[in-house]
Amino acid sequence: FGDGLGGGVCQVSSTVFEAVLRANVKIVARTYHSLEITYVPLGGDATVQWNSKDFQFKNDLGVPIRLNMYCSDGKLTCEVYAKKKIDVGEVDINIFRDGDSYVLTRTVNGVENYRTVSHYSKPKPTTTTTKATTTEKKDKKDKKNKKEETTKKKKKGN
């Protein structure tokens, strides 16, 4: 798991996407994230968003399959199982950068049977409040209070 953009359920959907790709299962619908993510290679993600974006696949292998998911040492794993041994062929997943795009291809026995192109924006830098910033504000407030005290003393003395 990784903290940051596209976390939570998107990490699960991306892990399932990667697993079913390798099992040569048909990808029906997949949407990439709008911003760069870090928990899978760029181009290998599958975003989900309530009521608008969904990741969908269709089991076209001819036998029922089961997804087994588990988390260990901070890593999420998805395994695809079938009751019978099936030959999905020699599956090769390749992701390459083409200008500003990331292209993912799946070839089975040397023949491409899936391709998707992803485009990402860089996330905007986040601002954080640090202890130093809090200290700086306190110092400014203390200086202002001392200045007011000095002004009051001068007025009293005059």
N, C-alpha and C. Protein backbone atom coordinates (compact mmCIF):
# COMPACT_ATOMS: atom_id res chain seq x y z
N PHE A 1 0.84 -1.18 0.00
CA PHE A 1 0.00 0.00 0.00
C PHE A 1 0.88 1.24 0.00
N GLY A 2 0.35 2.29 -0.56
CA GLY A 2 1.07 3.55 -0.53
C GLY A 2 0.16 4.66 -0.10
N ASP A 3 0.70 5.59 0.69
CA ASP A 3 -0.07 6.77 1.06
C ASP A 3 -0.08 7.72 -0.12
N GLY A 4 -1.14 8.48 -0.24
CA GLY A 4 -1.17 9.51 -1.26
C GLY A 4 -2.32 9.37 -2.21
N LEU A 5 -2.15 9.94 -3.40
CA LEU A 5 -3.21 9.99 -4.40
C LEU A 5 -3.63 8.60 -4.84
N GLY A 6 -4.93 8.45 -5.09
CA GLY A 6 -5.44 7.20 -5.61
C GLY A 6 -5.35 6.07 -4.60
N GLY A 7 -5.36 6.40 -3.34
CA GLY A 7 -5.22 5.39 -2.31
C GLY A 7 -6.51 4.63 -2.08
N GLY A 8 -6.50 3.77 -1.10
CA GLY A 8 -7.69 3.05 -0.70
C GLY A 8 -8.19 2.08 -1.75
N VAL A 9 -9.44 2.24 -2.13
CA VAL A 9 -10.07 1.28 -3.03
C VAL A 9 -9.40 1.25 -4.40
N CYS A 10 -8.82 2.35 -4.84
CA CYS A 10 -8.12 2.36 -6.14
C CYS A 10 -6.88 1.47 -6.12
N GLN A 11 -6.25 1.33 -4.97
CA GLN A 11 -5.11 0.41 -4.89
C GLN A 11 -5.60 -1.02 -5.06
N VAL A 12 -6.79 -1.30 -4.55
CA VAL A 12 -7.37 -2.63 -4.72
C VAL A 12 -7.74 -2.86 -6.18
N SER A 13 -8.43 -1.91 -6.81
CA SER A 13 -8.84 -2.10 -8.20
C SER A 13 -7.63 -2.19 -9.13
N SER A 14 -6.58 -1.44 -8.84
CA SER A 14 -5.37 -1.51 -9.66
C SER A 14 -4.67 -2.86 -9.51
N THR A 15 -4.68 -3.39 -8.29
CA THR A 15 -4.07 -4.71 -8.05
C THR A 15 -4.86 -5.81 -8.76
N VAL A 16 -6.18 -5.71 -8.73
CA VAL A 16 -7.02 -6.68 -9.45
C VAL A 16 -6.76 -6.55 -10.96
N PHE A 17 -6.68 -5.32 -11.46
CA PHE A 17 -6.40 -5.08 -12.88
C PHE A 17 -5.10 -5.78 -13.29
N GLU A 18 -4.04 -5.59 -12.50
CA GLU A 18 -2.76 -6.21 -12.81
C GLU A 18 -2.87 -7.73 -12.82
N ALA A 19 -3.63 -8.30 -11.88
CA ALA A 19 -3.76 -9.76 -11.78
C ALA A 19 -4.56 -10.35 -12.94
N VAL A 20 -5.69 -9.74 -13.26
CA VAL A 20 -6.51 -10.30 -14.35
C VAL A 20 -5.85 -10.08 -15.71
N LEU A 21 -5.05 -9.02 -15.84
CA LEU A 21 -4.26 -8.85 -17.07
C LEU A 21 -3.38 -10.07 -17.29
N ARG A 22 -2.67 -10.47 -16.24
CA ARG A 22 -1.73 -11.58 -16.34
C ARG A 22 -2.43 -12.93 -16.50
N ALA A 23 -3.69 -13.02 -16.09
CA ALA A 23 -4.47 -14.25 -16.25
C ALA A 23 -5.15 -14.29 -17.62
N ASN A 24 -4.93 -13.27 -18.45
CA ASN A 24 -5.52 -13.17 -19.78
C ASN A 24 -7.05 -13.13 -19.75
N VAL A 25 -7.56 -12.43 -18.75
CA VAL A 25 -9.00 -12.22 -18.64
C VAL A 25 -9.35 -10.96 -19.43
N LYS A 26 -10.52 -10.93 -20.03
CA LYS A 26 -10.95 -9.80 -20.87
C LYS A 26 -11.20 -8.56 -20.01
N ILE A 27 -10.57 -7.45 -20.39
CA ILE A 27 -10.80 -6.15 -19.72
C ILE A 27 -11.94 -5.46 -20.45
N VAL A 28 -13.01 -5.13 -19.72
CA VAL A 28 -14.19 -4.50 -20.31
C VAL A 28 -14.13 -2.98 -20.18
N ALA A 29 -13.80 -2.49 -18.98
CA ALA A 29 -13.73 -1.04 -18.74
C ALA A 29 -12.63 -0.75 -17.73
N ARG A 30 -11.79 0.20 -18.08
CA ARG A 30 -10.69 0.62 -17.20
C ARG A 30 -10.42 2.09 -17.43
N THR A 31 -10.31 2.86 -16.37
CA THR A 31 -9.99 4.28 -16.45
C THR A 31 -8.72 4.53 -15.64
N TYR A 32 -7.82 5.30 -16.20
CA TYR A 32 -6.59 5.66 -15.47
C TYR A 32 -6.87 6.86 -14.58
N HIS A 33 -6.00 7.08 -13.60
CA HIS A 33 -6.12 8.24 -12.72
C HIS A 33 -5.77 9.51 -13.49
N SER A 34 -6.30 10.63 -13.07
CA SER A 34 -5.98 11.90 -13.73
C SER A 34 -4.61 12.42 -13.28
N LEU A 35 -4.21 12.07 -12.06
CA LEU A 35 -2.91 12.49 -11.52
C LEU A 35 -2.00 11.27 -11.37
N GLU A 36 -0.71 11.50 -11.41
CA GLU A 36 0.26 10.42 -11.25
C GLU A 36 0.07 9.72 -9.90
N ILE A 37 0.22 8.41 -9.92
CA ILE A 37 0.15 7.60 -8.70
C ILE A 37 1.50 6.90 -8.53
N THR A 38 1.72 6.31 -7.36
CA THR A 38 3.04 5.72 -7.11
C THR A 38 3.00 4.24 -6.73
N TYR A 39 1.84 3.66 -6.49
CA TYR A 39 1.79 2.29 -5.95
C TYR A 39 1.82 1.21 -7.02
N VAL A 40 1.62 1.54 -8.29
CA VAL A 40 1.83 0.63 -9.41
C VAL A 40 2.50 1.45 -10.51
N PRO A 41 3.11 0.80 -11.48
CA PRO A 41 3.72 1.58 -12.56
C PRO A 41 2.68 2.44 -13.27
N LEU A 42 3.08 3.65 -13.69
CA LEU A 42 2.17 4.50 -14.45
C LEU A 42 1.72 3.74 -15.69
N GLY A 43 0.42 3.74 -15.93
CA GLY A 43 -0.16 2.96 -17.02
C GLY A 43 -0.75 1.65 -16.54
N GLY A 44 -0.42 1.24 -15.31
CA GLY A 44 -0.91 -0.03 -14.78
C GLY A 44 -1.96 0.14 -13.70
N ASP A 45 -2.62 1.29 -13.66
CA ASP A 45 -3.61 1.57 -12.61
C ASP A 45 -5.03 1.46 -13.18
N ALA A 46 -5.97 1.30 -12.27
CA ALA A 46 -7.39 1.26 -12.63
C ALA A 46 -8.16 2.03 -11.56
N THR A 47 -8.64 3.21 -11.91
CA THR A 47 -9.34 4.02 -10.92
C THR A 47 -10.81 3.62 -10.84
N VAL A 48 -11.36 3.80 -9.67
CA VAL A 48 -12.81 3.64 -9.47
C VAL A 48 -13.29 4.86 -8.72
N GLN A 49 -14.50 5.27 -9.05
CA GLN A 49 -15.08 6.43 -8.39
C GLN A 49 -16.58 6.19 -8.30
N TRP A 50 -17.11 6.34 -7.10
CA TRP A 50 -18.51 6.05 -6.84
C TRP A 50 -19.42 6.67 -7.90
N ASN A 51 -20.22 5.86 -8.52
CA ASN A 51 -21.28 6.27 -9.44
C ASN A 51 -20.79 6.92 -10.75
N SER A 52 -19.48 6.81 -11.06
CA SER A 52 -19.05 7.40 -12.33
C SER A 52 -18.00 6.56 -13.07
N LYS A 53 -16.99 6.08 -12.37
CA LYS A 53 -15.93 5.30 -13.02
C LYS A 53 -15.86 3.93 -12.37
N ASP A 54 -15.71 2.92 -13.20
CA ASP A 54 -15.66 1.57 -12.68
C ASP A 54 -14.62 0.77 -13.43
N PHE A 55 -14.01 -0.17 -12.77
CA PHE A 55 -13.14 -1.13 -13.43
C PHE A 55 -13.95 -2.41 -13.61
N GLN A 56 -13.99 -2.91 -14.84
CA GLN A 56 -14.77 -4.11 -15.13
C GLN A 56 -13.95 -5.08 -15.96
N PHE A 57 -14.09 -6.35 -15.63
CA PHE A 57 -13.50 -7.41 -16.45
C PHE A 57 -14.53 -8.51 -16.62
N LYS A 58 -14.33 -9.35 -17.65
CA LYS A 58 -15.26 -10.44 -17.92
C LYS A 58 -14.47 -11.73 -18.00
N ASN A 59 -14.90 -12.71 -17.22
CA ASN A 59 -14.25 -14.00 -17.26
C ASN A 59 -14.65 -14.72 -18.55
N ASP A 60 -13.74 -14.74 -19.50
CA ASP A 60 -14.00 -15.43 -20.76
C ASP A 60 -13.08 -16.65 -20.91
N LEU A 61 -12.63 -17.19 -19.79
CA LEU A 61 -11.70 -18.31 -19.81
C LEU A 61 -12.39 -19.66 -19.96
N GLY A 62 -13.71 -19.70 -19.81
CA GLY A 62 -14.44 -20.96 -19.97
C GLY A 62 -14.59 -21.78 -18.70
N VAL A 63 -14.00 -21.31 -17.61
CA VAL A 63 -14.14 -21.97 -16.31
C VAL A 63 -14.31 -20.89 -15.25
N PRO A 64 -15.01 -21.22 -14.15
CA PRO A 64 -15.14 -20.22 -13.08
C PRO A 64 -13.77 -19.89 -12.49
N ILE A 65 -13.60 -18.63 -12.10
CA ILE A 65 -12.36 -18.21 -11.46
C ILE A 65 -12.67 -17.62 -10.09
N ARG A 66 -11.64 -17.59 -9.26
CA ARG A 66 -11.75 -17.00 -7.93
C ARG A 66 -10.57 -16.07 -7.73
N LEU A 67 -10.84 -14.90 -7.17
CA LEU A 67 -9.77 -13.97 -6.82
C LEU A 67 -9.47 -14.15 -5.34
N ASN A 68 -8.21 -14.37 -5.03
CA ASN A 68 -7.78 -14.49 -3.65
C ASN A 68 -6.89 -13.28 -3.37
N MET A 69 -7.31 -12.45 -2.41
CA MET A 69 -6.55 -11.24 -2.10
C MET A 69 -6.08 -11.30 -0.65
N TYR A 70 -4.86 -10.83 -0.45
CA TYR A 70 -4.35 -10.74 0.91
C TYR A 70 -3.31 -9.64 0.99
N CYS A 71 -3.08 -9.20 2.21
CA CYS A 71 -2.11 -8.14 2.47
C CYS A 71 -1.07 -8.67 3.44
N SER A 72 0.20 -8.44 3.11
CA SER A 72 1.28 -8.89 3.97
C SER A 72 2.46 -7.93 3.82
N ASP A 73 3.02 -7.53 4.92
CA ASP A 73 4.17 -6.61 4.92
C ASP A 73 3.90 -5.35 4.11
N GLY A 74 2.68 -4.83 4.18
CA GLY A 74 2.34 -3.60 3.47
C GLY A 74 2.12 -3.77 1.98
N LYS A 75 2.05 -5.00 1.49
CA LYS A 75 1.82 -5.25 0.07
C LYS A 75 0.53 -6.00 -0.14
N LEU A 76 -0.25 -5.54 -1.10
CA LEU A 76 -1.51 -6.18 -1.45
C LEU A 76 -1.26 -7.12 -2.63
N THR A 77 -1.76 -8.33 -2.53
CA THR A 77 -1.58 -9.33 -3.59
C THR A 77 -2.94 -9.86 -4.02
N CYS A 78 -3.10 -10.06 -5.32
CA CYS A 78 -4.30 -10.66 -5.88
C CYS A 78 -3.88 -11.85 -6.72
N GLU A 79 -4.44 -13.01 -6.42
CA GLU A 79 -4.17 -14.22 -7.18
C GLU A 79 -5.45 -14.67 -7.86
N VAL A 80 -5.34 -15.17 -9.08
CA VAL A 80 -6.48 -15.66 -9.84
C VAL A 80 -6.38 -17.18 -9.88
N TYR A 81 -7.44 -17.85 -9.41
CA TYR A 81 -7.48 -19.31 -9.36
C TYR A 81 -8.66 -19.82 -10.18
N ALA A 82 -8.49 -21.05 -10.70
CA ALA A 82 -9.58 -21.77 -11.37
C ALA A 82 -9.59 -23.19 -10.81
N LYS A 83 -10.78 -23.85 -10.85
CA LYS A 83 -10.87 -25.23 -10.36
C LYS A 83 -10.05 -26.18 -11.22
N LYS A 84 -10.03 -25.90 -12.52
CA LYS A 84 -9.26 -26.73 -13.45
C LYS A 84 -8.03 -25.96 -13.89
N LYS A 85 -6.98 -26.68 -14.23
CA LYS A 85 -5.79 -26.04 -14.78
C LYS A 85 -6.14 -25.55 -16.19
N ILE A 86 -5.88 -24.29 -16.43
CA ILE A 86 -6.15 -23.73 -17.75
C ILE A 86 -4.87 -23.15 -18.32
N ASP A 87 -4.77 -23.21 -19.63
CA ASP A 87 -3.61 -22.65 -20.30
C ASP A 87 -4.00 -21.28 -20.84
N VAL A 88 -3.51 -20.22 -20.17
CA VAL A 88 -3.82 -18.86 -20.64
C VAL A 88 -2.82 -18.40 -21.68
N GLY A 89 -1.84 -19.24 -21.97
CA GLY A 89 -0.82 -18.89 -22.95
C GLY A 89 0.33 -18.17 -22.29
N GLU A 90 1.28 -17.76 -23.11
CA GLU A 90 2.42 -17.00 -22.61
C GLU A 90 2.05 -15.53 -22.63
N VAL A 91 1.78 -14.98 -21.44
CA VAL A 91 1.30 -13.61 -21.30
C VAL A 91 2.48 -12.69 -21.02
N ASP A 92 2.55 -11.60 -21.77
CA ASP A 92 3.60 -10.60 -21.57
C ASP A 92 2.94 -9.23 -21.44
N ILE A 93 3.19 -8.54 -20.34
CA ILE A 93 2.66 -7.19 -20.11
C ILE A 93 3.83 -6.22 -20.29
N ASN A 94 3.59 -5.19 -21.08
CA ASN A 94 4.64 -4.20 -21.35
C ASN A 94 4.04 -2.80 -21.19
N ILE A 95 4.73 -1.95 -20.46
CA ILE A 95 4.32 -0.55 -20.32
C ILE A 95 5.49 0.30 -20.80
N PHE A 96 5.22 1.21 -21.71
CA PHE A 96 6.28 2.10 -22.17
C PHE A 96 5.74 3.51 -22.28
N ARG A 97 6.65 4.45 -22.19
CA ARG A 97 6.29 5.87 -22.28
C ARG A 97 6.40 6.31 -23.73
N ASP A 98 5.37 7.01 -24.19
CA ASP A 98 5.35 7.54 -25.55
C ASP A 98 5.00 9.03 -25.44
N GLY A 99 6.04 9.87 -25.35
CA GLY A 99 5.81 11.31 -25.13
C GLY A 99 5.23 11.53 -23.75
N ASP A 100 4.02 12.11 -23.70
CA ASP A 100 3.34 12.35 -22.42
C ASP A 100 2.40 11.21 -22.04
N SER A 101 2.38 10.14 -22.81
CA SER A 101 1.47 9.02 -22.58
C SER A 101 2.22 7.79 -22.11
N TYR A 102 1.47 6.93 -21.42
CA TYR A 102 1.98 5.62 -21.03
C TYR A 102 1.10 4.58 -21.73
N VAL A 103 1.74 3.68 -22.45
CA VAL A 103 1.02 2.68 -23.23
C VAL A 103 1.26 1.31 -22.61
N LEU A 104 0.16 0.64 -22.25
CA LEU A 104 0.24 -0.71 -21.71
C LEU A 104 -0.28 -1.66 -22.78
N THR A 105 0.49 -2.72 -23.06
CA THR A 105 0.05 -3.74 -24.00
C THR A 105 0.12 -5.10 -23.33
N ARG A 106 -0.80 -5.96 -23.71
CA ARG A 106 -0.75 -7.36 -23.29
C ARG A 106 -0.66 -8.20 -24.56
N THR A 107 0.36 -9.04 -24.62
CA THR A 107 0.47 -9.97 -25.73
C THR A 107 0.37 -11.38 -25.16
N VAL A 108 -0.31 -12.23 -25.90
CA VAL A 108 -0.45 -13.63 -25.51
C VAL A 108 0.05 -14.47 -26.68
N ASN A 109 1.05 -15.29 -26.41
CA ASN A 109 1.69 -16.10 -27.44
C ASN A 109 2.14 -15.23 -28.62
N GLY A 110 2.65 -14.05 -28.29
CA GLY A 110 3.20 -13.16 -29.30
C GLY A 110 2.19 -12.28 -30.02
N VAL A 111 0.90 -12.39 -29.70
CA VAL A 111 -0.14 -11.60 -30.37
C VAL A 111 -0.75 -10.61 -29.36
N GLU A 112 -0.73 -9.33 -29.73
CA GLU A 112 -1.31 -8.32 -28.84
C GLU A 112 -2.83 -8.49 -28.79
N ASN A 113 -3.37 -8.58 -27.57
CA ASN A 113 -4.83 -8.69 -27.43
C ASN A 113 -5.44 -7.63 -26.52
N TYR A 114 -4.60 -6.73 -25.99
CA TYR A 114 -5.12 -5.62 -25.19
C TYR A 114 -4.12 -4.48 -25.22
N ARG A 115 -4.63 -3.27 -25.36
CA ARG A 115 -3.80 -2.06 -25.36
C ARG A 115 -4.62 -0.94 -24.73
N THR A 116 -3.94 -0.15 -23.89
CA THR A 116 -4.58 1.02 -23.29
C THR A 116 -3.54 2.13 -23.16
N VAL A 117 -4.00 3.36 -23.28
CA VAL A 117 -3.12 4.52 -23.22
C VAL A 117 -3.58 5.40 -22.05
N SER A 118 -2.62 5.86 -21.25
CA SER A 118 -2.92 6.69 -20.08
C SER A 118 -2.16 8.00 -20.15
N HIS A 119 -2.80 9.06 -19.66
CA HIS A 119 -2.19 10.41 -19.60
C HIS A 119 -2.37 10.93 -18.18
N TYR A 120 -1.30 11.42 -17.59
CA TYR A 120 -1.35 11.89 -16.20
C TYR A 120 -0.89 13.33 -16.09
N SER A 121 -1.43 14.01 -15.10
CA SER A 121 -0.94 15.33 -14.71
C SER A 121 -0.13 15.15 -13.44
N LYS A 122 0.78 16.06 -13.21
CA LYS A 122 1.56 16.03 -11.96
C LYS A 122 0.70 16.59 -10.84
N PRO A 123 0.73 15.98 -9.66
CA PRO A 123 -0.02 16.54 -8.54
C PRO A 123 0.55 17.89 -8.13
N LYS A 124 -0.31 18.79 -7.67
CA LYS A 124 0.15 20.09 -7.18
C LYS A 124 0.85 19.87 -5.85
N PRO A 125 1.91 20.65 -5.59
CA PRO A 125 2.59 20.50 -4.30
C PRO A 125 1.65 20.85 -3.16
N THR A 126 1.75 20.11 -2.10
CA THR A 126 0.91 20.39 -0.94
C THR A 126 1.67 21.29 0.02
N THR A 127 0.93 22.13 0.72
CA THR A 127 1.56 22.99 1.72
C THR A 127 1.27 22.39 3.09
N THR A 128 2.27 22.45 3.92
CA THR A 128 2.10 21.92 5.27
C THR A 128 2.51 22.98 6.28
N THR A 129 1.87 22.95 7.41
CA THR A 129 2.24 23.85 8.49
C THR A 129 3.30 23.15 9.32
N THR A 130 4.40 23.85 9.52
CA THR A 130 5.49 23.25 10.28
C THR A 130 5.59 23.92 11.64
N LYS A 131 6.34 23.30 12.51
CA LYS A 131 6.54 23.86 13.84
C LYS A 131 7.25 25.22 13.75
N ALA A 132 8.15 25.33 12.78
CA ALA A 132 8.88 26.59 12.61
C ALA A 132 7.91 27.71 12.27
N THR A 133 6.94 27.43 11.44
CA THR A 133 5.96 28.44 11.06
C THR A 133 5.17 28.88 12.29
N THR A 134 4.80 27.92 13.13
CA THR A 134 4.07 28.24 14.35
C THR A 134 4.94 29.10 15.27
N THR A 135 6.21 28.76 15.39
CA THR A 135 7.15 29.52 16.22
C THR A 135 7.31 30.94 15.69
N GLU A 136 7.42 31.06 14.34
CA GLU A 136 7.56 32.39 13.74
C GLU A 136 6.34 33.25 14.07
N LYS A 137 5.15 32.68 14.01
CA LYS A 137 3.93 33.44 14.33
C LYS A 137 3.96 33.88 15.79
N LYS A 138 4.40 32.98 16.69
CA LYS A 138 4.46 33.30 18.11
C LYS A 138 5.47 34.43 18.34
N ASP A 139 6.64 34.36 17.65
CA ASP A 139 7.65 35.41 17.79
C ASP A 139 7.11 36.76 17.35
N LYS A 140 6.37 36.79 16.25
CA LYS A 140 5.78 38.04 15.77
C LYS A 140 4.79 38.60 16.78
N LYS A 141 3.99 37.70 17.36
CA LYS A 141 3.01 38.12 18.36
C LYS A 141 3.70 38.67 19.60
N ASP A 142 4.79 38.00 20.05
CA ASP A 142 5.55 38.46 21.21
C ASP A 142 6.15 39.84 20.95
N LYS A 143 6.72 40.05 19.74
CA LYS A 143 7.30 41.35 19.39
C LYS A 143 6.23 42.43 19.40
N LYS A 144 5.05 42.09 18.88
CA LYS A 144 3.95 43.06 18.85
C LYS A 144 3.55 43.43 20.27
N ASN A 145 3.44 42.43 21.16
CA ASN A 145 3.08 42.69 22.56
C ASN A 145 4.14 43.55 23.25
N LYS A 146 5.43 43.26 23.02
CA LYS A 146 6.51 44.05 23.63
C LYS A 146 6.45 45.49 23.13
N LYS A 147 6.17 45.67 21.84
CA LYS A 147 6.09 47.02 21.26
C LYS A 147 4.94 47.79 21.92
N GLU A 148 3.80 47.10 22.12
CA GLU A 148 2.65 47.75 22.75
C GLU A 148 2.99 48.13 24.20
N GLU A 149 3.72 47.23 24.92
CA GLU A 149 4.10 47.52 26.30
C GLU A 149 5.03 48.72 26.35
N THR A 150 5.99 48.78 25.43
CA THR A 150 6.93 49.90 25.36
C THR A 150 6.18 51.19 25.10
N THR A 151 5.21 51.16 24.18
CA THR A 151 4.42 52.34 23.87
C THR A 151 3.63 52.78 25.10
N LYS A 152 3.06 51.85 25.84
CA LYS A 152 2.29 52.17 27.05
C LYS A 152 3.19 52.81 28.10
N LYS A 153 4.44 52.28 28.28
CA LYS A 153 5.37 52.81 29.26
C LYS A 153 5.77 54.25 28.88
N LYS A 154 6.01 54.48 27.59
CA LYS A 154 6.40 55.81 27.14
C LYS A 154 5.28 56.80 27.43
N LYS A 155 4.03 56.38 27.18
CA LYS A 155 2.89 57.26 27.42
C LYS A 155 2.76 57.55 28.90
N LYS A 156 3.01 56.55 29.74
CA LYS A 156 2.92 56.74 31.20
C LYS A 156 4.00 57.72 31.67
N GLY A 157 5.20 57.56 31.12
CA GLY A 157 6.32 58.41 31.53
C GLY A 157 6.17 59.83 31.06
N ASN A 158 5.46 60.11 30.00
CA ASN A 158 5.32 61.48 29.45
C ASN A 158 4.30 62.23 30.18
